[in-house]
Amino acid sequence: MDDEKKTNLIKKVETLSKSLGFGENNKTLFEIKKTNDPKVKELHLKSGSWESEDAWFAIDEEDTKKAYAFIPSDSFSQMLKILKEAQKENFDLKLEKTIWQNVPNDFDDVWVVAMDEIKHLAQNEGNKPVSIDLEKLIADIKKEYPNLFINLKDFYPPKLENHQGLS
C-alpha cells in the first residue's frame, strides 16, 4: 500500500477512534500484512500497546479502503445492550405516536392491547426478527375494539343535504 493510501486509512482510524471516545493515547493501531502462506497474516504494531484493553484498530496493506476496529467482548456486549435499549425506546415512541394519531379513549388500554398483540406476533416468529407495521396493527385493534378509540364522526352535526327547502 502506498504512503498516501496508508495515511488516508490512518486518518479514518483516527476519526473513528475519536467518534468512539478514544484519545490519541488510548488507541492501539496495527497493520495486517500478508505472508507467503495464504492462511497466515502478520500483525505489525504501529502505535499503542498489545496490552491495551481499549479498542484496537487495524489497517490491511492489501485493502486500501477499509479500516477495522476490534473491541473487547465485554465492551461489545455493553454496546449491543445500549443499541437494543435505544431500539426499544425508538419502537415504543413510534407505537405511542401511532396510538395517539388514532385518538384513543384510554391510551393505556390501547397500549396494553397493542403490546399483547406484539408479544403474540413475536412468539409466532420464534427467534426470527419481527417486523411490525404499527399503522396496520393499530388499525386492526381499532376495528376489533372500536370502543377503545374516539369516533370523531360522533362529534360532527348530522348532514343537512337530504332536507327539503334548503338553498
N, C-alpha and C. Protein backbone atom coordinates (compact mmCIF):
# COMPACT_ATOMS: atom_id res chain seq x y z
N MET A 1 0.86 -1.17 0.00
CA MET A 1 0.00 0.00 0.00
C MET A 1 0.90 1.23 0.00
N ASP A 2 0.57 2.19 -0.86
CA ASP A 2 1.42 3.39 -0.90
C ASP A 2 1.15 4.28 0.31
N ASP A 3 2.06 5.20 0.56
CA ASP A 3 2.01 6.02 1.77
C ASP A 3 0.77 6.90 1.84
N GLU A 4 0.31 7.43 0.70
CA GLU A 4 -0.86 8.30 0.71
C GLU A 4 -2.11 7.52 1.12
N LYS A 5 -2.28 6.32 0.58
CA LYS A 5 -3.43 5.50 0.93
C LYS A 5 -3.37 5.08 2.40
N LYS A 6 -2.16 4.76 2.86
CA LYS A 6 -1.98 4.37 4.26
C LYS A 6 -2.32 5.56 5.17
N THR A 7 -1.90 6.76 4.79
CA THR A 7 -2.20 7.96 5.56
C THR A 7 -3.70 8.21 5.61
N ASN A 8 -4.39 8.01 4.50
CA ASN A 8 -5.86 8.18 4.47
C ASN A 8 -6.54 7.19 5.39
N LEU A 9 -6.07 5.94 5.40
CA LEU A 9 -6.65 4.94 6.28
C LEU A 9 -6.40 5.29 7.74
N ILE A 10 -5.21 5.75 8.04
CA ILE A 10 -4.90 6.14 9.42
C ILE A 10 -5.79 7.30 9.85
N LYS A 11 -6.08 8.23 8.94
CA LYS A 11 -7.00 9.32 9.24
C LYS A 11 -8.40 8.78 9.54
N LYS A 12 -8.83 7.78 8.77
CA LYS A 12 -10.13 7.14 9.02
C LYS A 12 -10.15 6.54 10.43
N VAL A 13 -9.06 5.87 10.77
CA VAL A 13 -8.97 5.24 12.09
C VAL A 13 -9.04 6.30 13.18
N GLU A 14 -8.33 7.41 12.99
CA GLU A 14 -8.34 8.47 13.99
C GLU A 14 -9.73 9.09 14.14
N THR A 15 -10.43 9.26 13.03
CA THR A 15 -11.80 9.78 13.08
C THR A 15 -12.71 8.80 13.81
N LEU A 16 -12.61 7.53 13.47
CA LEU A 16 -13.40 6.50 14.13
C LEU A 16 -13.07 6.45 15.62
N SER A 17 -11.80 6.50 15.94
CA SER A 17 -11.35 6.45 17.32
C SER A 17 -11.92 7.61 18.12
N LYS A 18 -11.88 8.81 17.56
CA LYS A 18 -12.42 9.98 18.25
C LYS A 18 -13.93 9.87 18.42
N SER A 19 -14.62 9.37 17.39
CA SER A 19 -16.08 9.25 17.49
C SER A 19 -16.49 8.22 18.54
N LEU A 20 -15.62 7.26 18.80
CA LEU A 20 -15.89 6.26 19.84
C LEU A 20 -15.44 6.74 21.22
N GLY A 21 -14.81 7.91 21.26
CA GLY A 21 -14.42 8.48 22.54
C GLY A 21 -13.02 8.10 23.01
N PHE A 22 -12.18 7.60 22.12
CA PHE A 22 -10.82 7.24 22.49
C PHE A 22 -9.87 8.37 22.12
N GLY A 23 -8.98 8.71 23.02
CA GLY A 23 -7.99 9.74 22.75
C GLY A 23 -6.80 9.14 22.01
N GLU A 24 -5.86 9.98 21.69
CA GLU A 24 -4.65 9.54 20.98
C GLU A 24 -3.89 8.48 21.76
N ASN A 25 -3.82 8.64 23.08
CA ASN A 25 -3.01 7.74 23.89
C ASN A 25 -3.70 6.41 24.18
N ASN A 26 -4.98 6.32 23.91
CA ASN A 26 -5.74 5.10 24.23
C ASN A 26 -6.01 4.26 23.00
N LYS A 27 -5.21 4.38 21.98
CA LYS A 27 -5.50 3.70 20.72
C LYS A 27 -4.34 2.79 20.34
N THR A 28 -4.67 1.55 20.05
CA THR A 28 -3.69 0.61 19.51
C THR A 28 -3.98 0.47 18.02
N LEU A 29 -2.97 0.72 17.22
CA LEU A 29 -3.11 0.63 15.77
C LEU A 29 -2.10 -0.38 15.25
N PHE A 30 -2.59 -1.32 14.46
CA PHE A 30 -1.67 -2.27 13.84
C PHE A 30 -2.01 -2.43 12.38
N GLU A 31 -1.03 -2.92 11.64
CA GLU A 31 -1.19 -3.15 10.22
C GLU A 31 -1.18 -4.67 9.97
N ILE A 32 -2.06 -5.10 9.11
CA ILE A 32 -2.14 -6.51 8.73
C ILE A 32 -1.35 -6.68 7.44
N LYS A 33 -0.36 -7.57 7.49
CA LYS A 33 0.49 -7.80 6.31
C LYS A 33 0.39 -9.27 5.89
N LYS A 34 0.44 -9.47 4.59
CA LYS A 34 0.36 -10.84 4.08
C LYS A 34 1.72 -11.52 4.24
N THR A 35 1.65 -12.85 4.22
CA THR A 35 2.86 -13.68 4.27
C THR A 35 2.84 -14.60 3.06
N ASN A 36 3.81 -15.45 2.96
CA ASN A 36 3.85 -16.42 1.86
C ASN A 36 2.74 -17.46 1.99
N ASP A 37 2.28 -17.68 3.20
CA ASP A 37 1.20 -18.64 3.45
C ASP A 37 -0.13 -17.90 3.36
N PRO A 38 -1.03 -18.28 2.42
CA PRO A 38 -2.30 -17.56 2.26
C PRO A 38 -3.22 -17.67 3.49
N LYS A 39 -2.92 -18.62 4.38
CA LYS A 39 -3.75 -18.77 5.58
C LYS A 39 -3.18 -18.01 6.78
N VAL A 40 -2.04 -17.35 6.60
CA VAL A 40 -1.38 -16.67 7.71
C VAL A 40 -1.13 -15.21 7.33
N LYS A 41 -1.43 -14.32 8.27
CA LYS A 41 -1.10 -12.90 8.11
C LYS A 41 -0.34 -12.48 9.36
N GLU A 42 0.45 -11.42 9.22
CA GLU A 42 1.20 -10.88 10.34
C GLU A 42 0.58 -9.57 10.79
N LEU A 43 0.63 -9.33 12.10
CA LEU A 43 0.17 -8.07 12.65
C LEU A 43 1.39 -7.27 13.07
N HIS A 44 1.50 -6.04 12.60
CA HIS A 44 2.62 -5.17 12.93
C HIS A 44 2.08 -3.97 13.71
N LEU A 45 2.54 -3.83 14.94
CA LEU A 45 2.10 -2.73 15.79
C LEU A 45 2.62 -1.40 15.26
N LYS A 46 1.71 -0.47 15.01
CA LYS A 46 2.09 0.85 14.51
C LYS A 46 2.15 1.87 15.65
N SER A 47 1.19 1.78 16.57
CA SER A 47 1.17 2.67 17.74
C SER A 47 0.34 2.02 18.83
N GLY A 48 0.54 2.45 20.06
CA GLY A 48 -0.20 1.89 21.18
C GLY A 48 0.52 0.69 21.76
N SER A 49 -0.28 -0.20 22.36
CA SER A 49 0.29 -1.34 23.05
C SER A 49 -0.58 -2.58 22.85
N TRP A 50 0.07 -3.75 22.76
CA TRP A 50 -0.67 -5.01 22.65
C TRP A 50 -1.44 -5.30 23.93
N GLU A 51 -1.03 -4.70 25.03
CA GLU A 51 -1.68 -4.95 26.32
C GLU A 51 -2.90 -4.06 26.55
N SER A 52 -3.16 -3.17 25.66
CA SER A 52 -4.28 -2.23 25.82
C SER A 52 -5.60 -2.98 25.91
N GLU A 53 -6.44 -2.53 26.83
CA GLU A 53 -7.79 -3.12 26.96
C GLU A 53 -8.83 -2.30 26.22
N ASP A 54 -8.40 -1.21 25.60
CA ASP A 54 -9.30 -0.39 24.79
C ASP A 54 -9.40 -0.99 23.39
N ALA A 55 -10.14 -0.31 22.54
CA ALA A 55 -10.31 -0.78 21.17
C ALA A 55 -8.98 -0.81 20.43
N TRP A 56 -8.86 -1.76 19.55
CA TRP A 56 -7.71 -1.86 18.65
C TRP A 56 -8.21 -1.54 17.25
N PHE A 57 -7.34 -0.90 16.49
CA PHE A 57 -7.69 -0.56 15.12
C PHE A 57 -6.67 -1.17 14.18
N ALA A 58 -7.15 -1.60 13.01
CA ALA A 58 -6.26 -2.27 12.06
C ALA A 58 -6.45 -1.70 10.67
N ILE A 59 -5.35 -1.67 9.93
CA ILE A 59 -5.39 -1.37 8.51
C ILE A 59 -4.73 -2.55 7.80
N ASP A 60 -5.25 -2.88 6.65
CA ASP A 60 -4.75 -4.02 5.89
C ASP A 60 -3.97 -3.49 4.70
N GLU A 61 -2.74 -3.96 4.56
CA GLU A 61 -1.91 -3.46 3.47
C GLU A 61 -2.50 -3.77 2.10
N GLU A 62 -3.36 -4.79 2.00
CA GLU A 62 -3.96 -5.17 0.72
C GLU A 62 -5.30 -4.48 0.46
N ASP A 63 -5.90 -3.90 1.47
CA ASP A 63 -7.21 -3.28 1.32
C ASP A 63 -7.09 -1.80 1.65
N THR A 64 -7.08 -0.98 0.62
CA THR A 64 -6.82 0.44 0.81
C THR A 64 -8.07 1.23 1.19
N LYS A 65 -9.21 0.56 1.29
CA LYS A 65 -10.45 1.29 1.53
C LYS A 65 -11.02 1.06 2.92
N LYS A 66 -10.60 0.04 3.63
CA LYS A 66 -11.22 -0.29 4.90
C LYS A 66 -10.23 -0.19 6.06
N ALA A 67 -10.77 0.25 7.17
CA ALA A 67 -10.07 0.19 8.45
C ALA A 67 -10.98 -0.63 9.36
N TYR A 68 -10.40 -1.31 10.32
CA TYR A 68 -11.16 -2.20 11.18
C TYR A 68 -11.01 -1.79 12.64
N ALA A 69 -12.04 -2.05 13.42
CA ALA A 69 -11.99 -1.81 14.86
C ALA A 69 -12.25 -3.13 15.57
N PHE A 70 -11.44 -3.42 16.58
CA PHE A 70 -11.61 -4.61 17.41
C PHE A 70 -11.83 -4.14 18.83
N ILE A 71 -12.87 -4.65 19.46
CA ILE A 71 -13.14 -4.24 20.84
C ILE A 71 -13.29 -5.47 21.72
N PRO A 72 -12.98 -5.35 23.01
CA PRO A 72 -13.15 -6.48 23.92
C PRO A 72 -14.61 -6.93 23.95
N SER A 73 -14.82 -8.21 24.18
CA SER A 73 -16.18 -8.76 24.12
C SER A 73 -17.11 -8.13 25.15
N ASP A 74 -16.61 -7.77 26.34
CA ASP A 74 -17.50 -7.15 27.32
C ASP A 74 -17.92 -5.75 26.85
N SER A 75 -17.03 -5.03 26.19
CA SER A 75 -17.40 -3.73 25.62
C SER A 75 -18.41 -3.91 24.49
N PHE A 76 -18.21 -4.94 23.68
CA PHE A 76 -19.14 -5.23 22.58
C PHE A 76 -20.52 -5.58 23.14
N SER A 77 -20.56 -6.39 24.18
CA SER A 77 -21.84 -6.75 24.82
C SER A 77 -22.54 -5.51 25.35
N GLN A 78 -21.79 -4.62 25.99
CA GLN A 78 -22.37 -3.39 26.52
C GLN A 78 -22.91 -2.52 25.40
N MET A 79 -22.17 -2.45 24.30
CA MET A 79 -22.61 -1.66 23.14
C MET A 79 -23.90 -2.25 22.57
N LEU A 80 -23.98 -3.57 22.46
CA LEU A 80 -25.20 -4.20 21.97
C LEU A 80 -26.38 -3.93 22.89
N LYS A 81 -26.13 -3.97 24.19
CA LYS A 81 -27.18 -3.69 25.17
C LYS A 81 -27.72 -2.27 24.99
N ILE A 82 -26.82 -1.31 24.81
CA ILE A 82 -27.22 0.08 24.62
C ILE A 82 -28.01 0.23 23.32
N LEU A 83 -27.56 -0.44 22.26
CA LEU A 83 -28.27 -0.37 20.98
C LEU A 83 -29.67 -0.99 21.08
N LYS A 84 -29.79 -2.11 21.80
CA LYS A 84 -31.10 -2.74 21.97
C LYS A 84 -32.03 -1.84 22.77
N GLU A 85 -31.51 -1.18 23.80
CA GLU A 85 -32.33 -0.26 24.58
C GLU A 85 -32.79 0.92 23.73
N ALA A 86 -31.89 1.44 22.91
CA ALA A 86 -32.26 2.55 22.02
C ALA A 86 -33.30 2.10 21.00
N GLN A 87 -33.14 0.88 20.48
CA GLN A 87 -34.10 0.35 19.52
C GLN A 87 -35.47 0.19 20.17
N LYS A 88 -35.51 -0.32 21.40
CA LYS A 88 -36.77 -0.48 22.10
C LYS A 88 -37.42 0.87 22.37
N GLU A 89 -36.63 1.84 22.81
CA GLU A 89 -37.15 3.17 23.07
C GLU A 89 -37.72 3.78 21.79
N ASN A 90 -37.03 3.61 20.68
CA ASN A 90 -37.49 4.12 19.39
C ASN A 90 -38.81 3.45 18.99
N PHE A 91 -38.87 2.13 19.17
CA PHE A 91 -40.09 1.39 18.84
C PHE A 91 -41.25 1.88 19.71
N ASP A 92 -41.00 2.03 21.02
CA ASP A 92 -42.04 2.49 21.93
C ASP A 92 -42.55 3.88 21.53
N LEU A 93 -41.64 4.77 21.14
CA LEU A 93 -42.05 6.11 20.73
C LEU A 93 -42.90 6.07 19.46
N LYS A 94 -42.52 5.21 18.52
CA LYS A 94 -43.30 5.08 17.28
C LYS A 94 -44.69 4.51 17.57
N LEU A 95 -44.74 3.52 18.47
CA LEU A 95 -46.04 2.94 18.85
C LEU A 95 -46.90 3.99 19.54
N GLU A 96 -46.30 4.74 20.45
CA GLU A 96 -47.04 5.78 21.16
C GLU A 96 -47.60 6.81 20.17
N LYS A 97 -46.79 7.24 19.24
CA LYS A 97 -47.23 8.23 18.24
C LYS A 97 -48.39 7.67 17.41
N THR A 98 -48.27 6.41 17.00
CA THR A 98 -49.32 5.80 16.19
C THR A 98 -50.62 5.69 16.97
N ILE A 99 -50.53 5.34 18.23
CA ILE A 99 -51.74 5.24 19.07
C ILE A 99 -52.40 6.62 19.18
N TRP A 100 -51.61 7.65 19.51
CA TRP A 100 -52.18 9.00 19.67
C TRP A 100 -52.80 9.51 18.38
N GLN A 101 -52.22 9.16 17.24
CA GLN A 101 -52.77 9.61 15.96
C GLN A 101 -54.16 9.03 15.70
N ASN A 102 -54.49 7.94 16.38
CA ASN A 102 -55.79 7.30 16.19
C ASN A 102 -56.79 7.68 17.28
N VAL A 103 -56.49 8.67 18.08
CA VAL A 103 -57.36 9.26 19.10
C VAL A 103 -57.98 8.19 20.03
N PRO A 104 -57.17 7.68 20.94
CA PRO A 104 -57.69 6.65 21.85
C PRO A 104 -58.58 7.25 22.94
N ASN A 105 -59.56 6.46 23.41
CA ASN A 105 -60.34 6.84 24.60
C ASN A 105 -59.44 6.77 25.82
N ASP A 106 -58.70 5.70 25.91
CA ASP A 106 -57.78 5.48 27.03
C ASP A 106 -56.48 4.94 26.45
N PHE A 107 -55.45 5.78 26.43
CA PHE A 107 -54.17 5.41 25.84
C PHE A 107 -53.63 4.12 26.46
N ASP A 108 -53.68 4.01 27.78
CA ASP A 108 -53.10 2.83 28.45
C ASP A 108 -53.77 1.53 28.03
N ASP A 109 -55.09 1.56 27.85
CA ASP A 109 -55.80 0.35 27.40
C ASP A 109 -55.35 -0.06 26.00
N VAL A 110 -55.21 0.91 25.11
CA VAL A 110 -54.77 0.62 23.74
C VAL A 110 -53.34 0.08 23.78
N TRP A 111 -52.50 0.69 24.63
CA TRP A 111 -51.10 0.25 24.75
C TRP A 111 -51.04 -1.22 25.19
N VAL A 112 -51.84 -1.58 26.17
CA VAL A 112 -51.84 -2.97 26.68
C VAL A 112 -52.27 -3.94 25.58
N VAL A 113 -53.32 -3.60 24.87
CA VAL A 113 -53.79 -4.48 23.78
C VAL A 113 -52.72 -4.58 22.70
N ALA A 114 -52.12 -3.46 22.34
CA ALA A 114 -51.08 -3.46 21.31
C ALA A 114 -49.89 -4.31 21.74
N MET A 115 -49.45 -4.16 22.98
CA MET A 115 -48.30 -4.94 23.46
C MET A 115 -48.64 -6.44 23.49
N ASP A 116 -49.86 -6.79 23.85
CA ASP A 116 -50.27 -8.21 23.81
C ASP A 116 -50.21 -8.75 22.38
N GLU A 117 -50.68 -7.96 21.43
CA GLU A 117 -50.63 -8.37 20.02
C GLU A 117 -49.18 -8.52 19.56
N ILE A 118 -48.33 -7.58 19.95
CA ILE A 118 -46.92 -7.62 19.56
C ILE A 118 -46.24 -8.85 20.15
N LYS A 119 -46.52 -9.15 21.42
CA LYS A 119 -45.94 -10.34 22.06
C LYS A 119 -46.41 -11.60 21.35
N HIS A 120 -47.68 -11.62 20.97
CA HIS A 120 -48.22 -12.78 20.25
C HIS A 120 -47.52 -12.95 18.91
N LEU A 121 -47.34 -11.86 18.18
CA LEU A 121 -46.64 -11.92 16.89
C LEU A 121 -45.19 -12.38 17.06
N ALA A 122 -44.54 -11.89 18.10
CA ALA A 122 -43.14 -12.25 18.36
C ALA A 122 -43.01 -13.74 18.70
N GLN A 123 -43.96 -14.26 19.47
CA GLN A 123 -43.92 -15.69 19.84
C GLN A 123 -44.10 -16.56 18.61
N ASN A 124 -44.93 -16.14 17.68
CA ASN A 124 -45.17 -16.93 16.48
C ASN A 124 -43.95 -16.98 15.57
N GLU A 125 -43.08 -15.98 15.67
CA GLU A 125 -41.90 -15.92 14.81
C GLU A 125 -40.71 -16.67 15.40
N GLY A 126 -40.78 -17.08 16.65
CA GLY A 126 -39.64 -17.77 17.27
C GLY A 126 -38.49 -16.82 17.47
N ASN A 127 -37.30 -17.21 17.01
CA ASN A 127 -36.11 -16.39 17.20
C ASN A 127 -35.84 -15.43 16.04
N LYS A 128 -36.72 -15.45 15.04
CA LYS A 128 -36.52 -14.56 13.90
C LYS A 128 -36.89 -13.12 14.29
N PRO A 129 -36.20 -12.14 13.70
CA PRO A 129 -36.58 -10.74 13.94
C PRO A 129 -38.00 -10.50 13.44
N VAL A 130 -38.73 -9.68 14.16
CA VAL A 130 -40.12 -9.40 13.82
C VAL A 130 -40.22 -7.98 13.28
N SER A 131 -40.87 -7.85 12.13
CA SER A 131 -41.13 -6.54 11.56
C SER A 131 -42.63 -6.28 11.70
N ILE A 132 -42.98 -5.21 12.36
CA ILE A 132 -44.39 -4.92 12.63
C ILE A 132 -44.77 -3.59 12.02
N ASP A 133 -45.82 -3.61 11.22
CA ASP A 133 -46.39 -2.39 10.66
C ASP A 133 -47.32 -1.81 11.72
N LEU A 134 -46.86 -0.78 12.42
CA LEU A 134 -47.62 -0.23 13.54
C LEU A 134 -48.93 0.39 13.10
N GLU A 135 -48.94 1.01 11.93
CA GLU A 135 -50.18 1.60 11.41
C GLU A 135 -51.25 0.51 11.24
N LYS A 136 -50.85 -0.60 10.63
CA LYS A 136 -51.78 -1.72 10.42
C LYS A 136 -52.20 -2.33 11.75
N LEU A 137 -51.24 -2.49 12.66
CA LEU A 137 -51.54 -3.07 13.97
C LEU A 137 -52.61 -2.25 14.68
N ILE A 138 -52.43 -0.95 14.75
CA ILE A 138 -53.39 -0.09 15.45
C ILE A 138 -54.71 -0.05 14.69
N ALA A 139 -54.68 -0.05 13.37
CA ALA A 139 -55.92 -0.08 12.58
C ALA A 139 -56.70 -1.36 12.87
N ASP A 140 -55.99 -2.49 12.97
CA ASP A 140 -56.65 -3.76 13.29
C ASP A 140 -57.25 -3.73 14.70
N ILE A 141 -56.52 -3.17 15.64
CA ILE A 141 -57.03 -3.06 17.01
C ILE A 141 -58.26 -2.16 17.02
N LYS A 142 -58.22 -1.08 16.24
CA LYS A 142 -59.34 -0.14 16.17
C LYS A 142 -60.59 -0.82 15.60
N LYS A 143 -60.39 -1.73 14.63
CA LYS A 143 -61.53 -2.48 14.07
C LYS A 143 -62.08 -3.47 15.09
N GLU A 144 -61.17 -4.16 15.78
CA GLU A 144 -61.59 -5.20 16.71
C GLU A 144 -62.14 -4.63 18.02
N TYR A 145 -61.59 -3.50 18.44
CA TYR A 145 -62.00 -2.89 19.71
C TYR A 145 -62.34 -1.41 19.49
N PRO A 146 -63.42 -1.11 18.75
CA PRO A 146 -63.72 0.29 18.43
C PRO A 146 -64.00 1.14 19.68
N ASN A 147 -64.41 0.49 20.76
CA ASN A 147 -64.70 1.24 21.98
C ASN A 147 -63.44 1.83 22.62
N LEU A 148 -62.25 1.39 22.19
CA LEU A 148 -61.01 1.93 22.73
C LEU A 148 -60.62 3.27 22.09
N PHE A 149 -61.35 3.65 21.05
CA PHE A 149 -61.00 4.86 20.31
C PHE A 149 -62.19 5.80 20.23
N ILE A 150 -61.90 7.07 20.12
CA ILE A 150 -62.94 8.09 19.95
C ILE A 150 -63.29 8.13 18.46
N ASN A 151 -64.58 8.07 18.19
CA ASN A 151 -65.05 8.17 16.81
C ASN A 151 -65.37 9.64 16.55
N LEU A 152 -64.52 10.29 15.80
CA LEU A 152 -64.69 11.73 15.57
C LEU A 152 -65.98 12.04 14.83
N LYS A 153 -66.54 11.09 14.10
CA LYS A 153 -67.80 11.32 13.38
C LYS A 153 -68.94 11.59 14.36
N ASP A 154 -68.83 11.08 15.59
CA ASP A 154 -69.86 11.32 16.59
C ASP A 154 -69.94 12.79 17.00
N PHE A 155 -68.92 13.55 16.70
CA PHE A 155 -68.88 14.95 17.10
C PHE A 155 -69.30 15.90 15.98
N TYR A 156 -69.52 15.37 14.78
CA TYR A 156 -69.97 16.20 13.67
C TYR A 156 -71.48 16.31 13.70
N PRO A 157 -72.04 17.46 13.27
CA PRO A 157 -73.51 17.56 13.19
C PRO A 157 -74.00 16.68 12.04
N PRO A 158 -75.25 16.27 12.10
CA PRO A 158 -75.79 15.44 11.00
C PRO A 158 -75.76 16.21 9.68
N LYS A 159 -75.68 15.46 8.61
CA LYS A 159 -75.64 16.08 7.28
C LYS A 159 -77.01 16.68 6.96
N LEU A 160 -77.00 17.84 6.35
CA LEU A 160 -78.24 18.55 6.03
C LEU A 160 -78.63 18.43 4.57
N GLU A 161 -77.90 17.73 3.78
CA GLU A 161 -78.11 17.69 2.34
C GLU A 161 -79.43 17.02 1.94
N ASN A 162 -80.01 16.18 2.75
CA ASN A 162 -81.26 15.49 2.39
C ASN A 162 -82.50 16.26 2.79
N HIS A 163 -82.34 17.39 3.44
CA HIS A 163 -83.51 18.16 3.89
C HIS A 163 -84.04 19.04 2.77
N GLN A 164 -85.38 19.11 2.67
CA GLN A 164 -86.06 19.89 1.64
C GLN A 164 -86.06 21.38 2.03
N GLY A 165 -86.09 22.23 1.07
CA GLY A 165 -86.27 23.65 1.31
C GLY A 165 -84.97 24.39 1.63
N LEU A 166 -83.87 23.73 1.58
CA LEU A 166 -82.60 24.41 1.84
C LEU A 166 -82.02 24.88 0.52
N SER A 167 -81.50 26.08 0.47
CA SER A 167 -80.93 26.55 -0.76
C SER A 167 -79.44 26.64 -0.69
